PDB file of N, CA and C in Angstrom:
ATOM      1  N   UNK A   1     105.541  90.355 132.747  1.00  0.00           N
ATOM      2  CA  UNK A   1     106.248  90.097 131.668  1.00  0.00           C
ATOM      3  C   UNK A   1     107.510  91.325 132.193  1.00  0.00           C
ATOM      4  N   UNK A   2     108.678  90.803 131.845  1.00  0.00           N
ATOM      5  CA  UNK A   2     109.821  91.682 132.297  1.00  0.00           C
ATOM      6  C   UNK A   2     109.879  92.678 131.088  1.00  0.00           C
ATOM      7  N   UNK A   3     110.965  93.548 131.452  1.00  0.00           N
ATOM      8  CA  UNK A   3     111.043  94.891 130.520  1.00  0.00           C
ATOM      9  C   UNK A   3     111.939  94.345 129.250  1.00  0.00           C
ATOM     10  N   UNK A   4     112.800  93.317 129.634  1.00  0.00           N
ATOM     11  CA  UNK A   4     113.584  92.719 128.450  1.00  0.00           C
ATOM     12  C   UNK A   4     112.571  91.843 127.629  1.00  0.00           C
ATOM     13  N   UNK A   5     111.787  91.163 128.200  1.00  0.00           N
ATOM     14  CA  UNK A   5     110.733  90.258 127.416  1.00  0.00           C
ATOM     15  C   UNK A   5     109.805  91.287 126.555  1.00  0.00           C
ATOM     16  N   UNK A   6     109.565  92.323 127.183  1.00  0.00           N
ATOM     17  CA  UNK A   6     108.564  93.319 126.446  1.00  0.00           C
ATOM     18  C   UNK A   6     109.486  93.818 125.108  1.00  0.00           C
ATOM     19  N   UNK A   7     110.676  94.161 125.599  1.00  0.00           N
ATOM     20  CA  UNK A   7     111.469  94.750 124.253  1.00  0.00           C
ATOM     21  C   UNK A   7     111.600  93.792 123.191  1.00  0.00           C
ATOM     22  N   UNK A   8     111.907  92.473 123.556  1.00  0.00           N
ATOM     23  CA  UNK A   8     112.090  91.410 122.676  1.00  0.00           C
ATOM     24  C   UNK A   8     110.734  91.125 121.960  1.00  0.00           C
ATOM     25  N   UNK A   9     109.719  91.168 122.485  1.00  0.00           N
ATOM     26  CA  UNK A   9     108.362  90.957 121.914  1.00  0.00           C
ATOM     27  C   UNK A   9     108.014  92.100 120.872  1.00  0.00           C
ATOM     28  N   UNK A  10     108.456  93.254 121.286  1.00  0.00           N
ATOM     29  CA  UNK A  10     108.129  94.389 120.399  1.00  0.00           C
ATOM     30  C   UNK A  10     109.059  94.187 119.135  1.00  0.00           C
ATOM     31  N   UNK A  11     110.184  93.882 119.323  1.00  0.00           N
ATOM     32  CA  UNK A  11     111.265  93.646 118.140  1.00  0.00           C
ATOM     33  C   UNK A  11     110.648  92.503 117.253  1.00  0.00           C
ATOM     34  N   UNK A  12     110.127  91.541 117.797  1.00  0.00           N
ATOM     35  CA  UNK A  12     109.552  90.506 116.984  1.00  0.00           C
ATOM     36  C   UNK A  12     108.303  90.941 116.095  1.00  0.00           C
ATOM     37  N   UNK A  13     107.490  91.610 116.773  1.00  0.00           N
ATOM     38  CA  UNK A  13     106.420  92.156 116.135  1.00  0.00           C
ATOM     39  C   UNK A  13     106.725  93.100 115.133  1.00  0.00           C
ATOM     40  N   UNK A  14     107.854  94.025 115.253  1.00  0.00           N
ATOM     41  CA  UNK A  14     108.240  94.984 114.242  1.00  0.00           C
ATOM     42  C   UNK A  14     108.711  94.131 113.096  1.00  0.00           C
ATOM     43  N   UNK A  15     109.494  92.992 113.460  1.00  0.00           N
ATOM     44  CA  UNK A  15     109.944  92.173 112.102  1.00  0.00           C
ATOM     45  C   UNK A  15     108.937  91.368 111.529  1.00  0.00           C
ATOM     46  N   UNK A  16     107.983  90.903 112.088  1.00  0.00           N
ATOM     47  CA  UNK A  16     106.878  90.331 111.371  1.00  0.00           C
ATOM     48  C   UNK A  16     106.244  91.253 110.622  1.00  0.00           C
ATOM     49  N   UNK A  17     105.983  92.418 111.098  1.00  0.00           N
ATOM     50  CA  UNK A  17     105.220  93.479 110.118  1.00  0.00           C
ATOM     51  C   UNK A  17     106.194  93.865 109.016  1.00  0.00           C
ATOM     52  N   UNK A  18     107.359  93.895 109.178  1.00  0.00           N
ATOM     53  CA  UNK A  18     108.394  94.366 108.243  1.00  0.00           C
ATOM     54  C   UNK A  18     108.385  93.415 107.027  1.00  0.00           C
ATOM     55  N   UNK A  19     108.654  92.133 107.671  1.00  0.00           N
ATOM     56  CA  UNK A  19     108.670  91.012 106.585  1.00  0.00           C
ATOM     57  C   UNK A  19     107.351  90.748 105.728  1.00  0.00           C
ATOM     58  N   UNK A  20     106.260  91.092 106.470  1.00  0.00           N
ATOM     59  CA  UNK A  20     104.773  91.028 105.712  1.00  0.00           C
ATOM     60  C   UNK A  20     104.967  92.106 104.763  1.00  0.00           C
ATOM     61  N   UNK A  21     105.353  93.347 105.040  1.00  0.00           N
ATOM     62  CA  UNK A  21     105.216  94.358 104.075  1.00  0.00           C
ATOM     63  C   UNK A  21     106.412  94.011 103.008  1.00  0.00           C
ATOM     64  N   UNK A  22     107.527  93.598 103.127  1.00  0.00           N
ATOM     65  CA  UNK A  22     108.499  93.344 102.181  1.00  0.00           C
ATOM     66  C   UNK A  22     107.820  92.467 101.333  1.00  0.00           C
ATOM     67  N   UNK A  23     107.300  91.490 101.697  1.00  0.00           N
ATOM     68  CA  UNK A  23     106.735  90.270 100.802  1.00  0.00           C
ATOM     69  C   UNK A  23     105.573  90.767 100.046  1.00  0.00           C
ATOM     70  N   UNK A  24     104.764  91.760 100.426  1.00  0.00           N
ATOM     71  CA  UNK A  24     103.708  92.177  99.665  1.00  0.00           C
ATOM     72  C   UNK A  24     104.156  93.485  98.678  1.00  0.00           C
ATOM     73  N   UNK A  25     104.929  94.346  98.939  1.00  0.00           N
ATOM     74  CA  UNK A  25     105.332  95.428  98.391  1.00  0.00           C
ATOM     75  C   UNK A  25     106.737  95.519  97.781  1.00  0.00           C
ATOM     76  N   UNK A  26     107.677  94.783  98.490  1.00  0.00           N
ATOM     77  CA  UNK A  26     109.017  95.063  98.366  1.00  0.00           C
ATOM     78  C   UNK A  26     109.652  96.272  99.220  1.00  0.00           C
ATOM     79  N   UNK A  27     110.853  96.353  99.402  1.00  0.00           N
ATOM     80  CA  UNK A  27     111.180  97.405 100.094  1.00  0.00           C
ATOM     81  C   UNK A  27     112.520  98.149  99.425  1.00  0.00           C
ATOM     82  N   UNK A  28     112.323  99.421  98.991  1.00  0.00           N
ATOM     83  CA  UNK A  28     113.314 100.038  98.483  1.00  0.00           C
ATOM     84  C   UNK A  28     114.234 100.663  99.448  1.00  0.00           C
ATOM     85  N   UNK A  29     115.479 101.103  99.122  1.00  0.00           N
ATOM     86  CA  UNK A  29     116.473 101.662 100.075  1.00  0.00           C
ATOM     87  C   UNK A  29     115.929 102.964 100.631  1.00  0.00           C
ATOM     88  N   UNK A  30     115.250 103.506  99.667  1.00  0.00           N
ATOM     89  CA  UNK A  30     114.520 104.942 100.311  1.00  0.00           C
ATOM     90  C   UNK A  30     113.535 104.499 101.321  1.00  0.00           C
ATOM     91  N   UNK A  31     112.534 103.552 101.088  1.00  0.00           N
ATOM     92  CA  UNK A  31     111.733 103.332 102.109  1.00  0.00           C
ATOM     93  C   UNK A  31     112.292 102.893 103.330  1.00  0.00           C
ATOM     94  N   UNK A  32     113.278 102.043 103.377  1.00  0.00           N
ATOM     95  CA  UNK A  32     113.880 101.555 104.519  1.00  0.00           C
ATOM     96  C   UNK A  32     114.563 102.719 105.384  1.00  0.00           C
ATOM     97  N   UNK A  33     115.208 103.641 104.815  1.00  0.00           N
ATOM     98  CA  UNK A  33     116.052 104.490 105.258  1.00  0.00           C
ATOM     99  C   UNK A  33     115.384 105.992 105.597  1.00  0.00           C
ATOM    100  N   UNK A  34     114.483 106.286 104.754  1.00  0.00           N
ATOM    101  CA  UNK A  34     113.825 107.664 104.898  1.00  0.00           C
ATOM    102  C   UNK A  34     112.271 107.568 104.592  1.00  0.00           C
ATOM    103  N   UNK A  35     111.564 106.524 104.842  1.00  0.00           N
ATOM    104  CA  UNK A  35     110.053 106.504 104.832  1.00  0.00           C
ATOM    105  C   UNK A  35     109.535 107.642 105.251  1.00  0.00           C
ATOM    106  N   UNK A  36     108.440 108.337 104.483  1.00  0.00           N
ATOM    107  CA  UNK A  36     107.946 109.387 104.961  1.00  0.00           C
ATOM    108  C   UNK A  36     106.767 109.318 106.128  1.00  0.00           C
ATOM    109  N   UNK A  37     106.468 110.339 106.583  1.00  0.00           N
ATOM    110  CA  UNK A  37     105.429 110.276 107.590  1.00  0.00           C
ATOM    111  C   UNK A  37     104.246 109.588 106.998  1.00  0.00           C
ATOM    112  N   UNK A  38     103.581 108.743 107.973  1.00  0.00           N
ATOM    113  CA  UNK A  38     102.319 108.201 107.284  1.00  0.00           C
ATOM    114  C   UNK A  38     102.656 106.625 106.740  1.00  0.00           C
ATOM    115  N   UNK A  39     103.839 106.423 106.130  1.00  0.00           N
ATOM    116  CA  UNK A  39     104.243 105.263 105.611  1.00  0.00           C
ATOM    117  C   UNK A  39     104.675 104.186 106.595  1.00  0.00           C
ATOM    118  N   UNK A  40     104.153 103.089 106.421  1.00  0.00           N
ATOM    119  CA  UNK A  40     104.311 101.723 107.410  1.00  0.00           C
ATOM    120  C   UNK A  40     105.591 101.648 108.034  1.00  0.00           C
ATOM    121  N   UNK A  41     106.686 102.074 107.211  1.00  0.00           N
ATOM    122  CA  UNK A  41     108.131 101.918 107.671  1.00  0.00           C
ATOM    123  C   UNK A  41     108.685 103.302 108.319  1.00  0.00           C
ATOM    124  N   UNK A  42     107.730 104.263 108.296  1.00  0.00           N
ATOM    125  CA  UNK A  42     108.215 105.575 108.835  1.00  0.00           C
ATOM    126  C   UNK A  42     108.904 105.256 110.431  1.00  0.00           C
ATOM    127  N   UNK A  43     110.168 105.711 110.464  1.00  0.00           N
ATOM    128  CA  UNK A  43     110.995 105.511 111.749  1.00  0.00           C
ATOM    129  C   UNK A  43     111.202 104.096 112.165  1.00  0.00           C
ATOM    130  N   UNK A  44     110.912 102.979 111.302  1.00  0.00           N
ATOM    131  CA  UNK A  44     111.297 101.814 111.729  1.00  0.00           C
ATOM    132  C   UNK A  44     112.579 101.313 112.117  1.00  0.00           C
ATOM    133  N   UNK A  45     113.493 101.734 111.201  1.00  0.00           N
ATOM    134  CA  UNK A  45     114.831 101.405 111.501  1.00  0.00           C
ATOM    135  C   UNK A  45     115.383 102.113 112.712  1.00  0.00           C
ATOM    136  N   UNK A  46     114.952 103.300 113.048  1.00  0.00           N
ATOM    137  CA  UNK A  46     115.271 104.267 114.180  1.00  0.00           C
ATOM    138  C   UNK A  46     114.846 103.460 115.431  1.00  0.00           C
ATOM    139  N   UNK A  47     113.626 103.314 115.528  1.00  0.00           N
ATOM    140  CA  UNK A  47     112.897 102.438 116.501  1.00  0.00           C
ATOM    141  C   UNK A  47     113.545 101.292 116.821  1.00  0.00           C
ATOM    142  N   UNK A  48     113.714 100.365 115.914  1.00  0.00           N
ATOM    143  CA  UNK A  48     114.264  99.207 116.002  1.00  0.00           C
ATOM    144  C   UNK A  48     115.709  99.030 116.709  1.00  0.00           C
ATOM    145  N   UNK A  49     116.519 100.182 116.069  1.00  0.00           N
ATOM    146  CA  UNK A  49     117.894 100.367 116.653  1.00  0.00           C
ATOM    147  C   UNK A  49     117.703 100.833 118.250  1.00  0.00           C
ATOM    148  N   UNK A  50     116.810 101.638 118.508  1.00  0.00           N
ATOM    149  CA  UNK A  50     116.716 102.037 119.913  1.00  0.00           C
ATOM    150  C   UNK A  50     116.514 100.941 120.521  1.00  0.00           C
ATOM    151  N   UNK A  51     115.414 100.041 120.132  1.00  0.00           N
ATOM    152  CA  UNK A  51     115.107  99.003 121.218  1.00  0.00           C
ATOM    153  C   UNK A  51     116.338  97.984 121.266  1.00  0.00           C
ATOM    154  N   UNK A  52     116.960  97.920 120.162  1.00  0.00           N
ATOM    155  CA  UNK A  52     118.092  96.773 120.225  1.00  0.00           C
ATOM    156  C   UNK A  52     119.372  97.155 120.885  1.00  0.00           C
ATOM    157  N   UNK A  53     119.607  98.825 120.993  1.00  0.00           N
ATOM    158  CA  UNK A  53     120.612  99.199 121.875  1.00  0.00           C
ATOM    159  C   UNK A  53     120.278  98.987 123.354  1.00  0.00           C
ATOM    160  N   UNK A  54     118.828  99.328 123.593  1.00  0.00           N
ATOM    161  CA  UNK A  54     118.632  99.300 125.084  1.00  0.00           C
ATOM    162  C   UNK A  54     118.510  97.743 125.500  1.00  0.00           C
ATOM    163  N   UNK A  55     118.262  96.791 124.707  1.00  0.00           N
ATOM    164  CA  UNK A  55     118.470  95.254 124.961  1.00  0.00           C
ATOM    165  C   UNK A  55     119.922  95.112 125.231  1.00  0.00           C
ATOM    166  N   UNK A  56     120.709  95.266 124.435  1.00  0.00           N
ATOM    167  CA  UNK A  56     122.071  95.187 124.552  1.00  0.00           C
ATOM    168  C   UNK A  56     122.680  95.710 125.562  1.00  0.00           C
ATOM    169  N   UNK A  57     122.459  96.830 126.142  1.00  0.00           N
ATOM    170  CA  UNK A  57     122.618  97.623 127.362  1.00  0.00           C
ATOM    171  C   UNK A  57     122.317  96.904 128.571  1.00  0.00           C
ATOM    172  N   UNK A  58     120.905  96.524 128.574  1.00  0.00           N
ATOM    173  CA  UNK A  58     120.263  95.733 129.714  1.00  0.00           C
ATOM    174  C   UNK A  58     121.215  94.271 129.773  1.00  0.00           C
ATOM    175  N   UNK A  59     121.425  93.726 128.797  1.00  0.00           N
ATOM    176  CA  UNK A  59     122.307  92.348 128.877  1.00  0.00           C
ATOM    177  C   UNK A  59     123.595  92.609 129.410  1.00  0.00           C
ATOM    178  N   UNK A  60     124.220  93.737 129.083  1.00  0.00           N
ATOM    179  CA  UNK A  60     125.596  94.033 129.586  1.00  0.00           C
ATOM    180  C   UNK A  60     125.446  94.360 131.146  1.00  0.00           C
ATOM    181  N   UNK A  61     124.539  95.098 131.634  1.00  0.00           N
ATOM    182  CA  UNK A  61     124.300  95.344 132.952  1.00  0.00           C
ATOM    183  C   UNK A  61     123.955  94.063 133.826  1.00  0.00           C
ATOM    184  N   UNK A  62     123.240  93.084 133.189  1.00  0.00           N
ATOM    185  CA  UNK A  62     123.011  91.911 133.818  1.00  0.00           C
ATOM    186  C   UNK A  62     124.333  91.314 134.146  1.00  0.00           C
ATOM    187  N   UNK A  63     125.113  91.219 133.102  1.00  0.00           N
ATOM    188  CA  UNK A  63     126.292  90.444 133.489  1.00  0.00           C
ATOM    189  C   UNK A  63     127.728  91.359 133.820  1.00  0.00           C
ATOM    190  N   UNK A  64     127.308  92.607 134.087  1.00  0.00           N
ATOM    191  CA  UNK A  64     128.329  93.362 134.770  1.00  0.00           C
ATOM    192  C   UNK A  64     129.523  93.720 133.803  1.00  0.00           C
ATOM    193  N   UNK A  65     129.216  93.425 132.473  1.00  0.00           N
ATOM    194  CA  UNK A  65     130.363  93.956 131.562  1.00  0.00           C
ATOM    195  C   UNK A  65     129.947  95.310 130.924  1.00  0.00           C
ATOM    196  N   UNK A  66     130.639  95.933 129.837  1.00  0.00           N
ATOM    197  CA  UNK A  66     130.506  97.053 129.326  1.00  0.00           C
ATOM    198  C   UNK A  66     130.805  96.839 127.824  1.00  0.00           C
ATOM    199  N   UNK A  67     130.055  97.735 127.065  1.00  0.00           N
ATOM    200  CA  UNK A  67     130.402  97.861 125.507  1.00  0.00           C
ATOM    201  C   UNK A  67     131.654  98.582 125.400  1.00  0.00           C
TER     202      UNK A  67
END
Protein backbone atom coordinates (compact mmCIF):
# COMPACT_ATOMS: atom_id res chain seq x y z
CA UNK A 1 0.00 0.00 0.00
CA UNK A 2 1.35 3.43 -0.91
CA UNK A 3 1.97 6.09 1.71
CA UNK A 4 -0.91 8.13 0.30
CA UNK A 5 -3.28 5.17 0.62
CA UNK A 6 -2.10 4.57 4.18
CA UNK A 7 -2.76 8.22 5.10
CA UNK A 8 -6.25 8.03 3.62
CA UNK A 9 -6.92 4.74 5.41
CA UNK A 10 -5.83 6.24 8.75
CA UNK A 11 -7.97 9.33 8.19
CA UNK A 12 -11.02 7.21 7.35
CA UNK A 13 -10.50 5.09 10.47
CA UNK A 14 -10.22 8.25 12.57
CA UNK A 15 -13.45 9.57 11.05
CA UNK A 16 -15.29 6.30 11.76
CA UNK A 17 -14.16 6.34 15.39
CA UNK A 18 -15.09 10.02 15.77
CA UNK A 19 -18.56 9.47 14.31
CA UNK A 20 -19.16 6.43 16.53
CA UNK A 21 -18.07 8.40 19.60
CA UNK A 22 -20.24 11.36 18.62
CA UNK A 23 -23.31 9.16 18.12
CA UNK A 24 -22.82 7.49 21.50
CA UNK A 25 -21.82 10.47 23.63
CA UNK A 26 -22.19 13.67 21.65
CA UNK A 27 -19.17 15.96 21.32
CA UNK A 28 -18.81 19.31 23.04
CA UNK A 29 -16.57 22.04 21.68
CA UNK A 30 -14.23 21.50 24.61
CA UNK A 31 -13.90 17.78 23.82
CA UNK A 32 -13.19 18.50 20.17
CA UNK A 33 -10.66 21.28 20.71
CA UNK A 34 -8.98 20.45 24.04
CA UNK A 35 -9.82 16.88 25.06
CA UNK A 36 -7.60 15.89 27.96
CA UNK A 37 -5.00 13.16 28.15
CA UNK A 38 -6.63 9.73 28.04
CA UNK A 39 -9.82 11.00 26.37
CA UNK A 40 -10.75 9.25 23.11
CA UNK A 41 -10.53 12.57 21.26
CA UNK A 42 -7.22 13.66 22.79
CA UNK A 43 -5.15 15.14 19.92
CA UNK A 44 -7.74 14.00 17.36
CA UNK A 45 -8.01 17.39 15.67
CA UNK A 46 -4.25 17.96 15.62
CA UNK A 47 -3.46 14.48 14.24
CA UNK A 48 -6.19 14.64 11.61
CA UNK A 49 -4.94 18.07 10.52
CA UNK A 50 -1.36 16.77 10.27
CA UNK A 51 -2.48 13.89 8.06
CA UNK A 52 -4.62 16.15 5.87
CA UNK A 53 -1.80 18.63 5.32
CA UNK A 54 0.62 15.84 4.48
CA UNK A 55 -1.86 14.40 1.99
CA UNK A 56 -2.43 17.79 0.34
CA UNK A 57 1.32 18.37 0.08
CA UNK A 58 1.76 14.94 -1.52
CA UNK A 59 -0.97 15.72 -4.05
CA UNK A 60 0.69 19.03 -4.95
CA UNK A 61 4.06 17.30 -5.33
CA UNK A 62 2.49 14.71 -7.65
CA UNK A 63 1.03 17.41 -9.87
CA UNK A 64 3.99 19.77 -9.67
CA UNK A 65 1.92 22.56 -8.18
CA UNK A 66 2.30 24.50 -4.94
CA UNK A 67 0.07 25.81 -2.23
